[in-house]
Structure formats: C-alpha cells, structure tokens
C-alpha cells in the first residue's frame, strides 16, 4: 500500500469512527461517553502522527499506540459495565509493536 492509499484509508476509517461516536453519544451513560472520547482522542493522535501533523512525528509511536490501546480497553470496560455484560474483558497484546518498515 502506498502512503497516499494508506492516508485515504485512514480518512475513510476516521469518518466511520465519527459516525459511530455520534451514535454512541445518543444512547450511552456519561462514563461510556467520557471513555469513548478519550479513546477517540488517542486514535486521533495516531492519525496526526501518520499525517505528520504538528509535532506528532517527534512523539514516540509505541507510546501513542499503547495509549490508544489502553483507552480502548477502558472504553470497552465502561461499555460492558453499562450494558451489564458479565465476564472478563479480553485484551490485545501491545508488547510486539514494530515501528519500522519490515
């Protein structure tokens, strides 16, 4: 995938995420909305890194990625609690992140 193709995909996913976030804002508790906004902000930081905006390229990608993963986990925890979903939340491992082209 070329950089231009990747950025086009990123824009489409950003639009999809915005639509989902707006729907969530209509029906969720304040705890879920707060967690969703924090996850959204963390993903937006990754987007800014990918687009080389501002000083985001000087930031550590692994830290941005890990933070987005943690915000995702907290969102799912809040959403499951809000929906009264039993059981433990499984998590994705962020231990092996490659920040270089392979």
N, C-alpha and C. Protein backbone atom coordinates (compact mmCIF):
# COMPACT_ATOMS: atom_id res chain seq x y z
N UNK A 1 0.86 -1.17 0.00
CA UNK A 1 0.00 0.00 0.00
C UNK A 1 0.90 1.24 0.00
N UNK A 2 0.58 2.17 -0.87
CA UNK A 2 1.35 3.40 -0.91
C UNK A 2 0.92 4.31 0.25
N UNK A 3 1.71 5.32 0.50
CA UNK A 3 1.37 6.28 1.55
C UNK A 3 0.04 6.97 1.25
N UNK A 4 -0.16 7.36 -0.01
CA UNK A 4 -1.43 8.01 -0.39
C UNK A 4 -2.62 7.09 -0.18
N UNK A 5 -2.47 5.81 -0.54
CA UNK A 5 -3.55 4.84 -0.32
C UNK A 5 -3.84 4.67 1.17
N UNK A 6 -2.77 4.61 1.95
CA UNK A 6 -2.93 4.48 3.40
C UNK A 6 -3.63 5.68 4.01
N UNK A 7 -3.26 6.86 3.58
CA UNK A 7 -3.90 8.07 4.11
C UNK A 7 -5.37 8.15 3.69
N UNK A 8 -5.68 7.68 2.49
CA UNK A 8 -7.08 7.65 2.05
C UNK A 8 -7.88 6.68 2.92
N UNK A 9 -7.31 5.51 3.20
CA UNK A 9 -7.97 4.53 4.09
C UNK A 9 -8.15 5.12 5.48
N UNK A 10 -7.15 5.82 5.95
CA UNK A 10 -7.21 6.45 7.27
C UNK A 10 -8.35 7.46 7.35
N UNK A 11 -8.53 8.24 6.30
CA UNK A 11 -9.62 9.21 6.26
C UNK A 11 -10.98 8.53 6.27
N UNK A 12 -11.11 7.45 5.51
CA UNK A 12 -12.39 6.72 5.49
C UNK A 12 -12.69 6.14 6.87
N UNK A 13 -11.70 5.56 7.51
CA UNK A 13 -11.90 4.99 8.84
C UNK A 13 -12.23 6.08 9.87
N UNK A 14 -11.63 7.24 9.70
CA UNK A 14 -11.91 8.36 10.60
C UNK A 14 -13.38 8.77 10.48
N UNK A 15 -13.88 8.83 9.26
CA UNK A 15 -15.28 9.18 9.05
C UNK A 15 -16.21 8.13 9.67
N UNK A 16 -15.87 6.85 9.48
CA UNK A 16 -16.67 5.76 10.08
C UNK A 16 -16.68 5.88 11.60
N UNK A 17 -15.53 6.16 12.17
CA UNK A 17 -15.42 6.28 13.63
C UNK A 17 -16.25 7.46 14.14
N UNK A 18 -16.26 8.55 13.40
CA UNK A 18 -17.06 9.71 13.82
C UNK A 18 -18.55 9.39 13.84
N UNK A 19 -19.02 8.66 12.84
CA UNK A 19 -20.44 8.28 12.79
C UNK A 19 -20.76 7.39 13.99
N UNK A 20 -19.90 6.43 14.26
CA UNK A 20 -20.13 5.52 15.40
C UNK A 20 -20.11 6.29 16.72
N UNK A 21 -19.20 7.24 16.85
CA UNK A 21 -19.12 8.02 18.07
C UNK A 21 -20.39 8.84 18.27
N UNK A 22 -20.91 9.43 17.23
CA UNK A 22 -22.14 10.22 17.35
C UNK A 22 -23.30 9.34 17.80
N UNK A 23 -23.40 8.14 17.28
CA UNK A 23 -24.46 7.21 17.70
C UNK A 23 -24.30 6.85 19.17
N UNK A 24 -23.09 6.60 19.56
CA UNK A 24 -22.81 6.24 20.95
C UNK A 24 -23.19 7.38 21.90
N UNK A 25 -22.94 8.61 21.49
CA UNK A 25 -23.25 9.76 22.34
C UNK A 25 -24.75 9.85 22.64
N UNK A 26 -25.57 9.33 21.74
CA UNK A 26 -27.02 9.40 21.92
C UNK A 26 -27.55 8.43 22.97
N UNK A 27 -26.90 7.30 23.14
CA UNK A 27 -27.51 6.24 23.95
C UNK A 27 -26.70 5.78 25.15
N UNK A 28 -25.52 6.30 25.36
CA UNK A 28 -24.64 5.77 26.42
C UNK A 28 -24.63 6.63 27.67
N UNK A 29 -24.17 6.01 28.74
CA UNK A 29 -24.00 6.73 30.01
C UNK A 29 -22.84 7.70 29.88
N UNK A 30 -22.76 8.63 30.83
CA UNK A 30 -21.68 9.62 30.81
C UNK A 30 -20.31 8.94 30.93
N UNK A 31 -20.24 7.88 31.71
CA UNK A 31 -18.97 7.15 31.87
C UNK A 31 -18.50 6.58 30.53
N UNK A 32 -19.42 6.01 29.78
CA UNK A 32 -19.08 5.44 28.47
C UNK A 32 -18.70 6.55 27.49
N UNK A 33 -19.44 7.64 27.50
CA UNK A 33 -19.15 8.76 26.61
C UNK A 33 -17.77 9.32 26.90
N UNK A 34 -17.44 9.49 28.17
CA UNK A 34 -16.11 10.01 28.54
C UNK A 34 -15.02 9.06 28.07
N UNK A 35 -15.20 7.76 28.30
CA UNK A 35 -14.20 6.78 27.87
C UNK A 35 -14.08 6.77 26.34
N UNK A 36 -15.20 6.89 25.64
CA UNK A 36 -15.18 6.90 24.18
C UNK A 36 -14.43 8.13 23.66
N UNK A 37 -14.67 9.26 24.27
CA UNK A 37 -13.97 10.48 23.82
C UNK A 37 -12.46 10.38 24.05
N UNK A 38 -12.07 9.78 25.17
CA UNK A 38 -10.63 9.61 25.44
C UNK A 38 -10.00 8.67 24.43
N UNK A 39 -10.72 7.59 24.09
CA UNK A 39 -10.21 6.66 23.07
C UNK A 39 -10.13 7.38 21.72
N UNK A 40 -11.18 8.12 21.38
CA UNK A 40 -11.22 8.87 20.13
C UNK A 40 -10.03 9.84 20.05
N UNK A 41 -9.75 10.55 21.13
CA UNK A 41 -8.62 11.48 21.15
C UNK A 41 -7.29 10.77 20.95
N UNK A 42 -7.14 9.59 21.58
CA UNK A 42 -5.90 8.83 21.45
C UNK A 42 -5.71 8.33 20.01
N UNK A 43 -6.79 7.90 19.39
CA UNK A 43 -6.72 7.45 17.99
C UNK A 43 -6.44 8.65 17.08
N UNK A 44 -7.01 9.79 17.40
CA UNK A 44 -6.75 11.00 16.62
C UNK A 44 -5.27 11.38 16.69
N UNK A 45 -4.64 11.15 17.84
CA UNK A 45 -3.20 11.41 17.95
C UNK A 45 -2.42 10.50 17.01
N UNK A 46 -2.82 9.25 16.89
CA UNK A 46 -2.17 8.34 15.93
C UNK A 46 -2.37 8.82 14.51
N UNK A 47 -3.56 9.31 14.23
CA UNK A 47 -3.86 9.84 12.89
C UNK A 47 -2.96 11.04 12.59
N UNK A 48 -2.80 11.90 13.57
CA UNK A 48 -1.94 13.07 13.38
C UNK A 48 -0.49 12.65 13.18
N UNK A 49 -0.07 11.60 13.87
CA UNK A 49 1.28 11.06 13.67
C UNK A 49 1.43 10.58 12.23
N UNK A 50 0.45 9.81 11.75
CA UNK A 50 0.51 9.27 10.40
C UNK A 50 0.53 10.37 9.34
N UNK A 51 -0.17 11.45 9.61
CA UNK A 51 -0.24 12.55 8.65
C UNK A 51 0.90 13.56 8.84
N UNK A 52 1.78 13.29 9.80
CA UNK A 52 2.93 14.16 10.07
C UNK A 52 2.49 15.58 10.39
N UNK A 53 1.45 15.69 11.21
CA UNK A 53 0.90 16.99 11.58
C UNK A 53 1.54 17.50 12.88
N UNK A 54 1.78 18.79 12.91
CA UNK A 54 2.31 19.41 14.12
C UNK A 54 3.59 18.74 14.58
N UNK A 55 3.70 18.56 15.89
CA UNK A 55 4.89 17.92 16.45
C UNK A 55 4.67 16.43 16.72
N UNK A 56 3.61 15.86 16.17
CA UNK A 56 3.29 14.47 16.48
C UNK A 56 4.34 13.49 15.97
N UNK A 57 5.04 13.82 14.87
CA UNK A 57 6.07 12.91 14.36
C UNK A 57 7.26 12.83 15.32
N UNK A 58 7.41 13.82 16.18
CA UNK A 58 8.51 13.77 17.15
C UNK A 58 8.16 12.92 18.36
N UNK A 59 6.91 12.51 18.49
CA UNK A 59 6.48 11.70 19.61
C UNK A 59 6.75 10.23 19.34
N UNK A 60 6.82 9.45 20.38
CA UNK A 60 7.11 8.02 20.29
C UNK A 60 5.85 7.27 19.84
N UNK A 61 5.91 6.67 18.65
CA UNK A 61 4.76 5.95 18.11
C UNK A 61 4.30 4.84 19.05
N UNK A 62 5.24 4.10 19.61
CA UNK A 62 4.87 2.99 20.51
C UNK A 62 4.05 3.48 21.69
N UNK A 63 4.41 4.63 22.23
CA UNK A 63 3.65 5.18 23.36
C UNK A 63 2.26 5.62 22.92
N UNK A 64 2.16 6.26 21.75
CA UNK A 64 0.86 6.67 21.23
C UNK A 64 -0.02 5.45 20.99
N UNK A 65 0.56 4.40 20.42
CA UNK A 65 -0.18 3.18 20.13
C UNK A 65 -0.63 2.49 21.42
N UNK A 66 0.25 2.41 22.38
CA UNK A 66 -0.08 1.78 23.66
C UNK A 66 -1.17 2.57 24.37
N UNK A 67 -1.07 3.88 24.34
CA UNK A 67 -2.09 4.72 24.97
C UNK A 67 -3.46 4.52 24.31
N UNK A 68 -3.48 4.44 22.99
CA UNK A 68 -4.74 4.19 22.29
C UNK A 68 -5.32 2.84 22.69
N UNK A 69 -4.47 1.84 22.82
CA UNK A 69 -4.92 0.52 23.25
C UNK A 69 -5.49 0.53 24.65
N UNK A 70 -4.85 1.27 25.54
CA UNK A 70 -5.35 1.38 26.92
C UNK A 70 -6.69 2.11 26.96
N UNK A 71 -6.81 3.17 26.19
CA UNK A 71 -8.08 3.90 26.15
C UNK A 71 -9.19 3.03 25.56
N UNK A 72 -8.82 2.19 24.59
CA UNK A 72 -9.79 1.25 24.02
C UNK A 72 -10.26 0.28 25.09
N UNK A 73 -9.33 -0.27 25.85
CA UNK A 73 -9.67 -1.21 26.91
C UNK A 73 -10.60 -0.56 27.93
N UNK A 74 -10.31 0.66 28.33
CA UNK A 74 -11.16 1.36 29.30
C UNK A 74 -12.55 1.65 28.74
N UNK A 75 -12.61 1.96 27.44
CA UNK A 75 -13.91 2.17 26.81
C UNK A 75 -14.73 0.88 26.85
N UNK A 76 -14.13 -0.22 26.43
CA UNK A 76 -14.87 -1.49 26.43
C UNK A 76 -15.29 -1.90 27.84
N UNK A 77 -14.44 -1.65 28.80
CA UNK A 77 -14.80 -1.94 30.19
C UNK A 77 -16.04 -1.14 30.59
N UNK A 78 -16.04 0.17 30.30
CA UNK A 78 -17.17 1.03 30.65
C UNK A 78 -18.43 0.61 29.89
N UNK A 79 -18.29 0.28 28.61
CA UNK A 79 -19.45 -0.10 27.80
C UNK A 79 -20.04 -1.42 28.31
N UNK A 80 -19.19 -2.38 28.61
CA UNK A 80 -19.69 -3.67 29.12
C UNK A 80 -20.38 -3.49 30.47
N UNK A 81 -19.82 -2.62 31.29
CA UNK A 81 -20.44 -2.34 32.59
C UNK A 81 -21.81 -1.69 32.37
N UNK A 82 -21.86 -0.73 31.47
CA UNK A 82 -23.11 -0.01 31.16
C UNK A 82 -24.19 -0.96 30.63
N UNK A 83 -23.76 -1.94 29.84
CA UNK A 83 -24.68 -2.91 29.25
C UNK A 83 -24.91 -4.12 30.14
N UNK A 84 -24.23 -4.14 31.27
CA UNK A 84 -24.33 -5.25 32.22
C UNK A 84 -23.93 -6.58 31.58
N UNK A 85 -22.82 -6.56 30.85
CA UNK A 85 -22.28 -7.76 30.21
C UNK A 85 -21.35 -8.45 31.20
N UNK A 86 -21.63 -9.71 31.54
CA UNK A 86 -20.79 -10.41 32.51
C UNK A 86 -19.48 -10.89 31.89
N UNK A 87 -18.58 -11.32 32.75
CA UNK A 87 -17.33 -11.90 32.30
C UNK A 87 -16.19 -10.91 32.25
N UNK A 88 -15.00 -11.46 32.04
CA UNK A 88 -13.81 -10.63 31.96
C UNK A 88 -13.61 -10.15 30.53
N UNK A 89 -13.02 -9.00 30.42
CA UNK A 89 -12.71 -8.41 29.12
C UNK A 89 -11.36 -8.92 28.66
N UNK A 90 -11.32 -9.52 27.48
CA UNK A 90 -10.03 -9.94 26.94
C UNK A 90 -9.33 -8.72 26.35
N UNK A 91 -8.02 -8.76 26.35
CA UNK A 91 -7.25 -7.62 25.86
C UNK A 91 -6.32 -8.06 24.74
N UNK A 92 -5.96 -7.12 23.90
CA UNK A 92 -4.98 -7.36 22.86
C UNK A 92 -3.61 -7.02 23.39
N UNK A 93 -2.62 -7.80 23.03
CA UNK A 93 -1.25 -7.54 23.47
C UNK A 93 -0.64 -6.45 22.61
N UNK A 94 0.02 -5.52 23.27
CA UNK A 94 0.74 -4.46 22.54
C UNK A 94 2.24 -4.59 22.75
N UNK A 95 2.67 -5.77 23.22
CA UNK A 95 4.08 -5.95 23.54
C UNK A 95 4.98 -5.96 22.31
N UNK A 96 4.48 -6.47 21.19
CA UNK A 96 5.31 -6.59 20.00
C UNK A 96 4.82 -5.63 18.93
N UNK A 97 5.28 -4.40 19.00
CA UNK A 97 4.91 -3.37 18.04
C UNK A 97 6.14 -3.03 17.23
N UNK A 98 5.99 -3.10 15.93
CA UNK A 98 7.08 -2.73 15.04
C UNK A 98 6.86 -1.30 14.57
N UNK A 99 7.85 -0.46 14.75
CA UNK A 99 7.73 0.93 14.31
C UNK A 99 8.59 1.20 13.08
N UNK A 100 9.12 0.12 12.49
CA UNK A 100 9.92 0.28 11.29
C UNK A 100 9.31 -0.55 10.18
N UNK A 101 9.64 -0.20 8.95
CA UNK A 101 9.15 -0.99 7.82
C UNK A 101 9.84 -2.32 7.82
N UNK A 102 9.08 -3.36 7.55
CA UNK A 102 9.66 -4.70 7.52
C UNK A 102 9.83 -5.16 6.09
